[in-house]
Protein backbone atom coordinates (compact mmCIF):
# COMPACT_ATOMS: atom_id res chain seq x y z
CA MET A 1 -12.26 3.00 -33.10
CA GLU A 2 -8.49 3.37 -33.52
CA ALA A 3 -6.24 0.31 -33.14
CA ASP A 4 -4.64 1.59 -29.93
CA GLN A 5 -8.05 2.04 -28.30
CA VAL A 6 -9.20 -1.40 -29.46
CA LEU A 7 -6.18 -3.04 -27.85
CA ILE A 8 -6.42 -1.04 -24.62
CA ARG A 9 -10.12 -1.78 -24.19
CA SER A 10 -9.59 -5.44 -25.03
CA SER A 11 -6.81 -5.70 -22.45
CA ALA A 12 -9.05 -4.11 -19.81
CA ARG A 13 -11.73 -6.75 -20.43
CA TRP A 14 -9.20 -9.55 -20.10
CA PHE A 15 -8.05 -7.90 -16.87
CA LEU A 16 -11.52 -8.35 -15.38
CA VAL A 17 -11.29 -12.06 -16.21
CA VAL A 18 -7.83 -12.25 -14.63
CA LEU A 19 -9.06 -10.57 -11.44
CA ALA A 20 -11.98 -13.00 -11.08
CA LEU A 21 -9.72 -16.00 -11.66
CA GLY A 22 -7.18 -14.69 -9.17
CA ILE A 23 -9.78 -14.36 -6.41
CA TRP A 24 -11.08 -17.85 -7.14
CA LEU A 25 -7.57 -19.30 -6.96
CA ARG A 26 -6.72 -17.46 -3.75
CA SER A 27 -9.94 -18.76 -2.11
CA ALA A 28 -8.66 -22.34 -2.49
CA PHE A 29 -5.92 -21.69 0.05
CA VAL A 30 -8.51 -20.69 2.65
CA TRP A 31 -11.36 -23.16 2.11
CA MET A 32 -9.51 -26.08 0.45
CA TYR A 33 -12.14 -27.24 -2.05
CA ASN A 34 -11.98 -28.99 -5.42
CA PRO A 35 -12.74 -26.76 -8.44
CA ARG A 36 -14.39 -29.48 -10.53
CA PRO A 37 -14.16 -30.01 -13.45
CA PHE A 38 -10.84 -28.13 -13.30
CA ASP A 39 -7.47 -28.73 -11.69
CA TRP A 40 -5.98 -25.96 -9.55
CA GLY A 41 -2.62 -26.17 -11.30
CA SER A 42 -4.28 -25.79 -14.71
CA LEU A 43 -6.28 -22.79 -13.49
CA ILE A 44 -3.09 -21.14 -12.24
CA HIS A 45 -1.62 -21.50 -15.74
CA ALA A 46 -4.82 -20.08 -17.25
CA HIS A 47 -4.69 -17.12 -14.85
CA SER A 48 -1.03 -16.29 -15.47
CA HIS A 49 -1.13 -16.71 -19.25
CA THR A 50 -4.27 -14.58 -19.59
CA ALA A 51 -2.62 -11.91 -17.43
CA TYR A 52 0.51 -11.94 -19.59
CA PHE A 53 -1.08 -12.38 -23.03
CA GLY A 54 -4.33 -10.49 -22.58
CA TRP A 55 -4.13 -7.82 -19.90
CA ALA A 56 -0.48 -6.75 -19.84
CA GLY A 57 0.57 -7.72 -23.37
CA LEU A 58 -2.30 -6.22 -25.34
CA GLY A 59 -2.53 -3.20 -23.05
CA LEU A 60 1.14 -2.36 -23.55
CA MET A 61 0.82 -2.81 -27.32
CA GLY A 62 -2.08 -0.36 -27.39
CA LEU A 63 -0.20 2.20 -25.30
CA ILE A 64 2.89 1.92 -27.51
CA LEU A 65 0.77 2.53 -30.61
CA TYR A 66 -0.71 5.55 -28.83
CA VAL A 67 2.67 7.18 -28.11
CA LEU A 68 4.50 6.20 -31.32
CA PRO A 69 3.36 9.15 -33.49
CA GLY A 70 4.58 11.59 -30.87
CA LEU A 71 7.97 9.85 -30.74
CA THR A 72 8.48 9.49 -34.49
CA GLY A 73 6.90 12.76 -35.55
CA GLU A 74 4.86 10.91 -38.17
CA PRO A 75 1.30 9.55 -38.32
CA LEU A 76 0.99 5.91 -37.32
CA VAL A 77 1.78 3.55 -40.20
CA VAL A 78 -0.97 0.92 -40.36
CA PRO A 79 0.23 -2.12 -42.34
CA ARG A 80 -2.09 -5.07 -42.90
CA GLN A 81 -0.24 -6.96 -40.15
CA LEU A 82 -1.90 -4.63 -37.63
CA ARG A 83 -5.32 -5.70 -38.89
CA TRP A 84 -4.22 -9.35 -38.63
CA LEU A 85 -3.07 -8.67 -35.06
CA LEU A 86 -6.46 -7.22 -34.10
CA ALA A 87 -8.28 -10.14 -35.72
CA LEU A 88 -6.12 -12.89 -34.18
CA SER A 89 -5.59 -11.60 -30.63
CA PRO A 90 -9.08 -12.37 -29.21
CA THR A 91 -8.89 -15.99 -30.37
CA ALA A 92 -5.26 -16.37 -29.29
CA VAL A 93 -5.86 -15.06 -25.76
CA GLY A 94 -9.26 -16.70 -25.29
CA GLY A 95 -7.99 -20.02 -26.61
CA ALA A 96 -5.06 -19.94 -24.19
CA LEU A 97 -7.42 -19.19 -21.31
CA VAL A 98 -9.71 -22.14 -22.10
CA THR A 99 -7.07 -24.71 -23.02
CA PHE A 100 -4.79 -23.98 -20.07
CA ALA A 101 -7.80 -24.14 -17.73
CA LEU A 102 -8.87 -27.52 -19.11
CA TRP A 103 -5.55 -29.26 -19.73
CA GLY A 104 -2.65 -27.18 -18.39
CA TYR A 105 0.50 -27.55 -20.48
CA ALA A 106 -0.71 -29.75 -23.35
CA ALA A 107 -0.77 -29.66 -27.14
CA PRO A 108 -3.86 -27.38 -27.42
CA SER A 109 -2.53 -24.80 -24.93
CA ILE A 110 0.89 -24.82 -26.56
CA ALA A 111 -0.81 -24.23 -29.93
CA PHE A 112 -2.64 -21.18 -28.59
CA SER A 113 0.55 -19.94 -26.94
CA ALA A 114 2.13 -20.10 -30.40
CA ALA A 115 -0.82 -18.12 -31.77
CA ASN A 116 -0.10 -15.40 -29.22
CA GLU A 117 3.52 -15.37 -30.33
CA VAL A 118 2.33 -14.79 -33.90
CA VAL A 119 0.52 -11.72 -32.53
CA TRP A 120 3.82 -10.56 -31.03
CA PHE A 121 5.64 -10.89 -34.34
CA PHE A 122 2.87 -8.93 -36.05
CA PHE A 123 3.32 -6.20 -33.46
CA ALA A 124 7.10 -6.18 -33.87
CA PHE A 125 6.61 -5.74 -37.62
CA VAL A 126 4.18 -2.85 -37.07
CA PHE A 127 6.69 -1.22 -34.72
CA TRP A 128 9.50 -1.62 -37.23
CA GLN A 129 7.41 -0.12 -40.02
CA ASN A 130 6.92 2.97 -37.89
CA VAL A 131 10.56 3.52 -36.84
CA LYS A 132 12.68 2.16 -39.70
CA GLY A 133 13.16 5.51 -41.41
CA ARG A 134 15.08 7.05 -38.52
CA PRO A 135 18.54 5.96 -37.23
CA VAL A 136 18.46 4.46 -33.75
CA ARG A 137 20.94 7.03 -32.44
CA ASP A 138 18.41 9.77 -33.31
CA TRP A 139 15.50 8.13 -31.51
CA PRO A 140 14.05 9.88 -28.45
CA ALA A 141 15.15 8.19 -25.22
CA ALA A 142 11.64 6.85 -24.59
CA LEU A 143 11.73 5.15 -27.99
CA TRP A 144 15.01 3.41 -27.07
CA LEU A 145 13.27 1.81 -24.11
CA ILE A 146 10.31 0.74 -26.24
CA GLY A 147 12.66 -0.66 -28.88
CA VAL A 148 14.47 -2.70 -26.21
CA ALA A 149 11.09 -3.97 -25.01
CA VAL A 150 10.10 -5.14 -28.49
CA VAL A 151 13.43 -6.95 -28.97
CA LEU A 152 12.99 -8.73 -25.63
CA LEU A 153 9.41 -9.64 -26.56
CA LEU A 154 10.78 -11.54 -29.55
CA VAL A 155 13.56 -13.06 -27.43
CA SER A 156 10.93 -14.43 -25.03
CA THR A 157 9.63 -16.70 -27.80
CA PHE A 158 12.85 -18.73 -27.50
CA GLY A 159 11.73 -19.59 -23.98
CA THR A 160 8.60 -21.20 -25.41
CA VAL A 161 10.70 -23.14 -27.89
CA LEU A 162 12.85 -24.43 -25.01
CA ILE A 163 9.72 -25.41 -23.06
CA ILE A 164 8.47 -27.45 -26.01
CA LEU A 165 11.86 -29.09 -26.54
CA THR A 166 12.55 -29.97 -22.91
CA ARG A 167 9.08 -30.67 -21.51
CA VAL A 168 7.13 -32.00 -24.47
CA MET A 169 9.61 -33.57 -26.88
CA VAL A 170 12.65 -34.62 -24.82
CA HIS A 171 11.07 -34.98 -21.33
CA THR A 172 14.41 -34.20 -19.70
CA SER A 173 14.88 -35.03 -16.02
CA ASP A 174 17.62 -32.41 -15.59
CA PRO A 175 16.02 -29.70 -13.39
CA VAL A 176 18.28 -26.93 -14.75
CA LEU A 177 17.58 -27.72 -18.39
CA GLY A 178 13.95 -28.55 -17.73
CA ASN A 179 13.26 -25.14 -16.16
CA SER A 180 15.45 -23.06 -18.47
CA GLY A 181 12.69 -22.34 -21.00
CA VAL A 182 10.18 -21.23 -18.37
CA TYR A 183 12.58 -18.81 -16.72
CA LEU A 184 13.92 -17.45 -20.00
CA PHE A 185 10.34 -16.63 -20.98
CA LEU A 186 9.45 -15.12 -17.61
CA GLN A 187 12.57 -12.95 -17.56
CA ALA A 188 12.46 -11.77 -21.18
CA TYR A 189 8.71 -11.19 -21.18
CA GLY A 190 8.04 -9.99 -17.62
CA ASP A 191 11.26 -8.12 -16.77
CA GLY A 192 12.05 -7.28 -20.38
CA TRP A 193 9.04 -6.61 -22.59
CA LEU A 194 6.62 -5.47 -19.88
CA GLU A 195 9.01 -3.56 -17.64
CA ALA A 196 11.04 -1.82 -20.35
CA GLY A 197 7.88 -1.15 -22.35
CA ILE A 198 6.08 0.51 -19.45
CA MET A 199 9.21 2.56 -18.72
CA GLY A 200 9.24 3.77 -22.32
CA VAL A 201 5.52 4.58 -22.41
CA ALA A 202 5.71 6.44 -19.10
CA ALA A 203 8.73 8.41 -20.29
CA ALA A 204 6.94 9.32 -23.52
CA LEU A 205 3.77 10.45 -21.75
CA ALA A 206 5.79 12.39 -19.16
CA GLY A 207 7.54 14.38 -21.88
CA GLY A 208 10.84 12.47 -22.03
CA LEU A 209 13.73 11.68 -19.73
CA ALA A 210 15.97 14.31 -18.15
CA ASN A 211 19.36 12.89 -19.18
CA ARG A 212 19.80 11.33 -22.62
CA THR A 213 23.19 9.78 -21.82
CA MET A 214 21.80 8.11 -18.71
CA ALA A 215 18.87 6.82 -20.76
CA ARG A 216 21.29 5.32 -23.29
CA TRP A 217 23.15 3.43 -20.57
CA GLN A 218 19.92 2.24 -19.00
CA SER A 219 18.61 0.96 -22.34
CA LEU A 220 21.90 -0.83 -23.03
CA LEU A 221 21.86 -2.49 -19.61
CA LEU A 222 18.29 -3.69 -20.08
CA LEU A 223 19.10 -5.05 -23.53
CA THR A 224 22.24 -6.94 -22.51
CA MET A 225 21.53 -7.98 -18.90
CA THR A 226 17.92 -9.21 -19.03
CA VAL A 227 18.52 -12.60 -20.64
CA PRO A 228 21.66 -13.55 -18.63
CA ALA A 229 19.83 -12.55 -15.44
CA ALA A 230 17.30 -15.33 -16.14
CA LEU A 231 19.99 -17.83 -15.15
CA ARG A 232 19.71 -16.63 -11.52
CA LEU A 233 16.37 -18.39 -11.32
CA LEU A 234 18.08 -21.69 -12.11
CA ILE A 235 20.46 -21.50 -9.12
CA PRO A 236 17.91 -23.13 -6.76
CA PHE A 237 17.74 -26.03 -9.27
CA GLY A 238 21.49 -26.63 -9.13
CA LEU A 239 23.12 -24.12 -11.49
CA GLU A 240 26.58 -23.21 -10.18
CA GLY A 241 30.03 -22.09 -11.27
CA PRO A 242 30.84 -19.26 -13.72
CA LEU A 243 27.31 -19.17 -15.16
CA ALA A 244 25.82 -18.58 -11.72
CA VAL A 245 28.30 -15.77 -11.03
CA ALA A 246 27.60 -14.17 -14.43
CA ALA A 247 23.85 -14.39 -13.76
CA GLN A 248 24.21 -12.64 -10.41
CA ALA A 249 26.27 -9.89 -12.01
CA ALA A 250 23.62 -9.49 -14.71
CA GLY A 251 20.97 -9.12 -12.01
CA LEU A 252 22.98 -6.29 -10.47
CA GLY A 253 23.10 -4.69 -13.91
CA LEU A 254 19.33 -4.85 -14.13
CA GLY A 255 19.04 -3.25 -10.71
CA ALA A 256 21.35 -0.44 -11.85
CA ALA A 257 19.21 0.11 -14.96
CA GLN A 258 16.07 0.40 -12.82
CA VAL A 259 17.71 2.92 -10.47
CA LEU A 260 18.99 4.96 -13.42
CA TYR A 261 15.47 5.11 -14.84
CA LEU A 262 13.97 6.32 -11.57
CA ILE A 263 16.65 9.02 -11.24
CA ASN A 264 16.10 10.09 -14.84
CA MET A 265 12.31 10.27 -14.48
CA ALA A 266 12.62 12.18 -11.20
CA GLY A 267 14.73 14.77 -13.01
CA SER A 268 12.02 15.47 -15.56
CA SER A 269 10.28 18.82 -15.20
CA HIS A 270 6.94 17.39 -16.35
CA ARG A 271 4.22 17.45 -13.69
CA LEU A 272 2.00 14.38 -13.60
CA PRO A 273 -1.79 14.89 -13.80
CA ALA A 274 -3.52 14.19 -10.50
CA VAL A 275 -5.33 11.10 -11.81
CA VAL A 276 -2.04 9.56 -12.97
CA ARG A 277 0.18 10.43 -10.02
CA PRO A 278 -0.81 7.79 -7.42
CA TRP A 279 -0.62 4.93 -9.91
CA TRP A 280 2.81 5.86 -11.22
CA LEU A 281 4.21 6.65 -7.78
CA THR A 282 3.11 3.16 -6.72
CA ALA A 283 4.80 1.66 -9.78
CA ALA A 284 7.96 3.69 -9.05
CA ALA A 285 8.04 2.47 -5.44
CA ALA A 286 7.65 -1.13 -6.62
CA LEU A 287 10.42 -0.64 -9.17
CA ALA A 288 12.72 0.76 -6.47
CA MET A 289 11.96 -2.23 -4.23
CA LYS A 290 12.57 -4.60 -7.13
CA ALA A 291 15.92 -2.90 -7.86
CA VAL A 292 17.01 -3.66 -4.28
CA LEU A 293 15.76 -7.25 -4.50
CA GLU A 294 17.89 -7.84 -7.61
CA ALA A 295 20.86 -8.13 -5.21
CA LEU A 296 19.28 -10.89 -3.09
CA PRO A 297 20.97 -13.76 -5.00
CA LEU A 298 24.29 -12.58 -3.51
CA LEU A 299 23.12 -13.35 0.03
CA PRO A 300 23.91 -16.68 1.72
CA GLY A 301 20.89 -18.96 1.82
CA TRP A 302 19.15 -17.23 -1.08
CA ALA A 303 18.66 -20.49 -3.02
CA GLU A 304 16.63 -21.93 -0.13
CA LEU A 305 14.51 -18.78 0.10
CA ALA A 306 13.94 -18.75 -3.66
CA ALA A 307 12.56 -22.29 -3.46
CA GLU A 308 9.85 -21.15 -1.02
CA ARG A 309 6.66 -20.96 -3.09
CA ASN A 310 4.92 -18.13 -1.22
CA LEU A 311 7.97 -15.87 -1.38
CA VAL A 312 8.06 -16.38 -5.15
CA ILE A 313 4.34 -15.65 -5.41
CA ALA A 314 4.75 -12.51 -3.29
CA PHE A 315 7.54 -11.30 -5.59
CA LEU A 316 5.47 -12.04 -8.71
CA HIS A 317 2.54 -10.04 -7.35
CA LEU A 318 4.87 -7.19 -6.42
CA LYS A 319 5.94 -7.10 -10.07
CA LEU A 320 2.63 -7.82 -11.78
CA LEU A 321 0.33 -5.75 -9.54
CA ALA A 322 2.33 -2.98 -7.89
CA LEU A 323 4.64 -2.41 -10.88
CA VAL A 324 3.04 -3.60 -14.14
CA THR A 325 -0.64 -3.11 -13.34
CA ALA A 326 -0.20 0.22 -11.57
CA GLY A 327 2.05 1.39 -14.41
CA LEU A 328 -0.45 0.37 -17.09
CA ILE A 329 -3.47 1.88 -15.35
CA GLY A 330 -1.56 5.10 -14.79
CA ALA A 331 -0.72 5.26 -18.49
CA MET A 332 -4.32 4.49 -19.42
CA ALA A 333 -5.40 7.49 -17.36
CA TYR A 334 -3.74 9.63 -20.04
CA VAL A 335 -5.44 7.76 -22.86
CA GLY A 336 -9.01 7.29 -21.68
CA LEU A 337 -11.03 6.82 -18.56
CA VAL A 338 -9.97 5.56 -15.14
CA GLY A 339 -12.28 5.08 -12.17
CA PRO A 340 -11.69 5.88 -8.48
CA GLY A 341 -10.31 2.55 -7.28
CA PHE A 342 -6.74 3.43 -6.36
CA PRO A 343 -7.01 3.42 -2.51
CA LEU A 344 -8.55 -0.08 -2.49
CA PHE A 345 -6.03 -1.35 -5.03
CA ALA A 346 -3.01 0.06 -3.20
CA ALA A 347 -4.04 -1.10 0.27
CA GLY A 348 -5.10 -4.56 -0.90
CA THR A 349 -1.95 -5.11 -2.95
CA ALA A 350 0.38 -4.04 -0.13
CA ILE A 351 -1.33 -6.26 2.44
CA MET A 352 -1.57 -9.27 0.12
CA VAL A 353 2.10 -9.11 -0.90
CA GLY A 354 3.09 -8.64 2.73
CA ALA A 355 0.97 -11.59 3.92
CA LEU A 356 2.38 -13.89 1.24
CA ALA A 357 5.95 -12.84 2.06
CA ALA A 358 5.29 -13.36 5.77
CA HIS A 359 3.90 -16.82 5.05
CA GLY A 360 7.01 -17.71 3.09
CA LEU A 361 9.34 -16.49 5.83
CA TRP A 362 7.65 -17.62 9.05
CA ALA A 363 4.54 -19.77 8.65
CA GLY A 364 6.01 -22.98 7.23
CA ARG A 365 6.02 -24.77 10.59
CA ASN A 366 2.85 -23.27 12.02
CA PRO A 367 -0.31 -24.43 10.18
CA VAL A 368 -2.61 -22.12 12.16
CA LEU A 369 -0.53 -19.04 11.38
CA GLY A 370 -0.26 -20.20 7.78
CA HIS A 371 -4.04 -20.49 7.40
CA ASP A 372 -4.56 -17.06 8.99
CA LEU A 373 -2.07 -15.46 6.63
CA TYR A 374 -3.77 -17.13 3.66
CA ALA A 375 -7.07 -15.65 4.86
CA VAL A 376 -5.47 -12.21 5.13
CA ALA A 377 -4.03 -12.60 1.62
CA PHE A 378 -7.45 -13.65 0.28
CA TRP A 379 -9.40 -10.70 1.69
CA ALA A 380 -6.61 -8.31 0.73
CA GLY A 381 -6.75 -9.79 -2.78
CA VAL A 382 -10.51 -9.19 -2.89
CA THR A 383 -9.88 -5.57 -1.88
CA ALA A 384 -7.14 -5.08 -4.49
CA ALA A 385 -9.28 -6.71 -7.20
CA ALA A 386 -12.25 -4.50 -6.32
CA GLY A 387 -10.08 -1.41 -6.59
CA ALA A 388 -8.53 -2.52 -9.87
CA ALA A 389 -11.96 -3.38 -11.31
CA LEU A 390 -13.34 0.03 -10.30
CA ALA A 391 -10.35 1.72 -11.90
CA ILE A 392 -10.41 -0.23 -15.15
CA TRP A 393 -14.18 -0.51 -15.59
CA PRO A 394 -14.62 2.72 -17.61
CA THR A 395 -11.94 1.48 -20.02
CA ALA A 396 -13.35 -2.05 -20.25
CA VAL A 397 -17.00 -1.27 -20.99
CA PRO A 398 -18.14 -0.11 -24.47
CA PRO A 399 -17.71 3.65 -24.93
CA ARG A 400 -21.45 4.24 -25.34
CA LEU A 401 -22.03 2.91 -21.81
CA VAL A 402 -19.48 5.18 -20.17
CA LYS A 403 -20.78 8.39 -18.66
CA VAL A 404 -17.83 10.75 -18.83
CA ALA A 405 -17.34 12.64 -15.57
CA ALA A 406 -14.79 15.38 -14.92
CA TRP A 407 -12.78 13.32 -12.42
CA HIS A 408 -12.38 10.48 -14.89
CA ARG A 409 -10.15 12.15 -17.42
CA ALA A 410 -6.62 13.41 -16.95
CA PRO A 411 -6.29 17.15 -17.65
């Protein structure tokens, strides 16, 4: 099996683990039980890190390897670092899952996080080996976006370094400094690597972007604005002054880049296959909503809203389900098999995100309403997970067990 298929199938299997963990975690808010021998906080870390490292990270790597030959015009270069990547990634992701579940942020989980970062550097080297013979100015627009994504993947490793320095070695009590590493990682990895990477893959599979100049500006904005925009997330912890203003401006730049991408993709003459269309239209709608939300830090009272846990969780699920997951599954429909789970996924995701946002806005002083909204979010999460599992199952199971049907494969 080719390396891209190995990574895509591996990511789909980790996704099934992530879905099961997510349902288990969401059930705690309804029935309030103790998950012995685990701690809920540790399980949340295990869930999020497996989603980032296993499902989204490996899946995007596989899709990039799939589209690279079409973007470079050359067969995929397969250096030994790609074989090392394939050999290390199962241990790196599985080790992070187990150690975060057992101990949360501790020496073993940090060690496996570092192992995942080694995987990222291997991937960056493989990418460079495939593009180094062509000047950046001559790259297709989709390759610019993928190149930006790879740069931001490497930048995200500095967030981990800051986490180790501030939380493990220094034990700082300064909330701004203490949270800086976490938010640098989340911004560079989630809004940088994953978002820009999915944009690039989608553009490549859709036959390119309509306007090359617009694509250049969008890529430049993503490259320069993503890291400064991470500082917005420190405003609720006390960041103020010129840095806070610069961070808000950077967020507006990110929003502009997202809008430019949507305009550019809409101008493409390529018609999406029927199996791909609902997934990517969902991702596009989530990206448009996210572009609007990038301006929220300018509103009075935003810092108080940003400190509300359920609003943050709603926003994260908007990004990671409606945008990242829908975008990845849509791309995988080009590459392999996708099952008929979209209606369940879309309905469940929309209701769950809405219930969590409603809880954050209105239910803080009403325990009964809060419990009811948690129950709605749980059953909506079950629905979304069922749809996602149905969709990804043909990709996750071994090829010999998949019965290929006509509706599975994109024309």
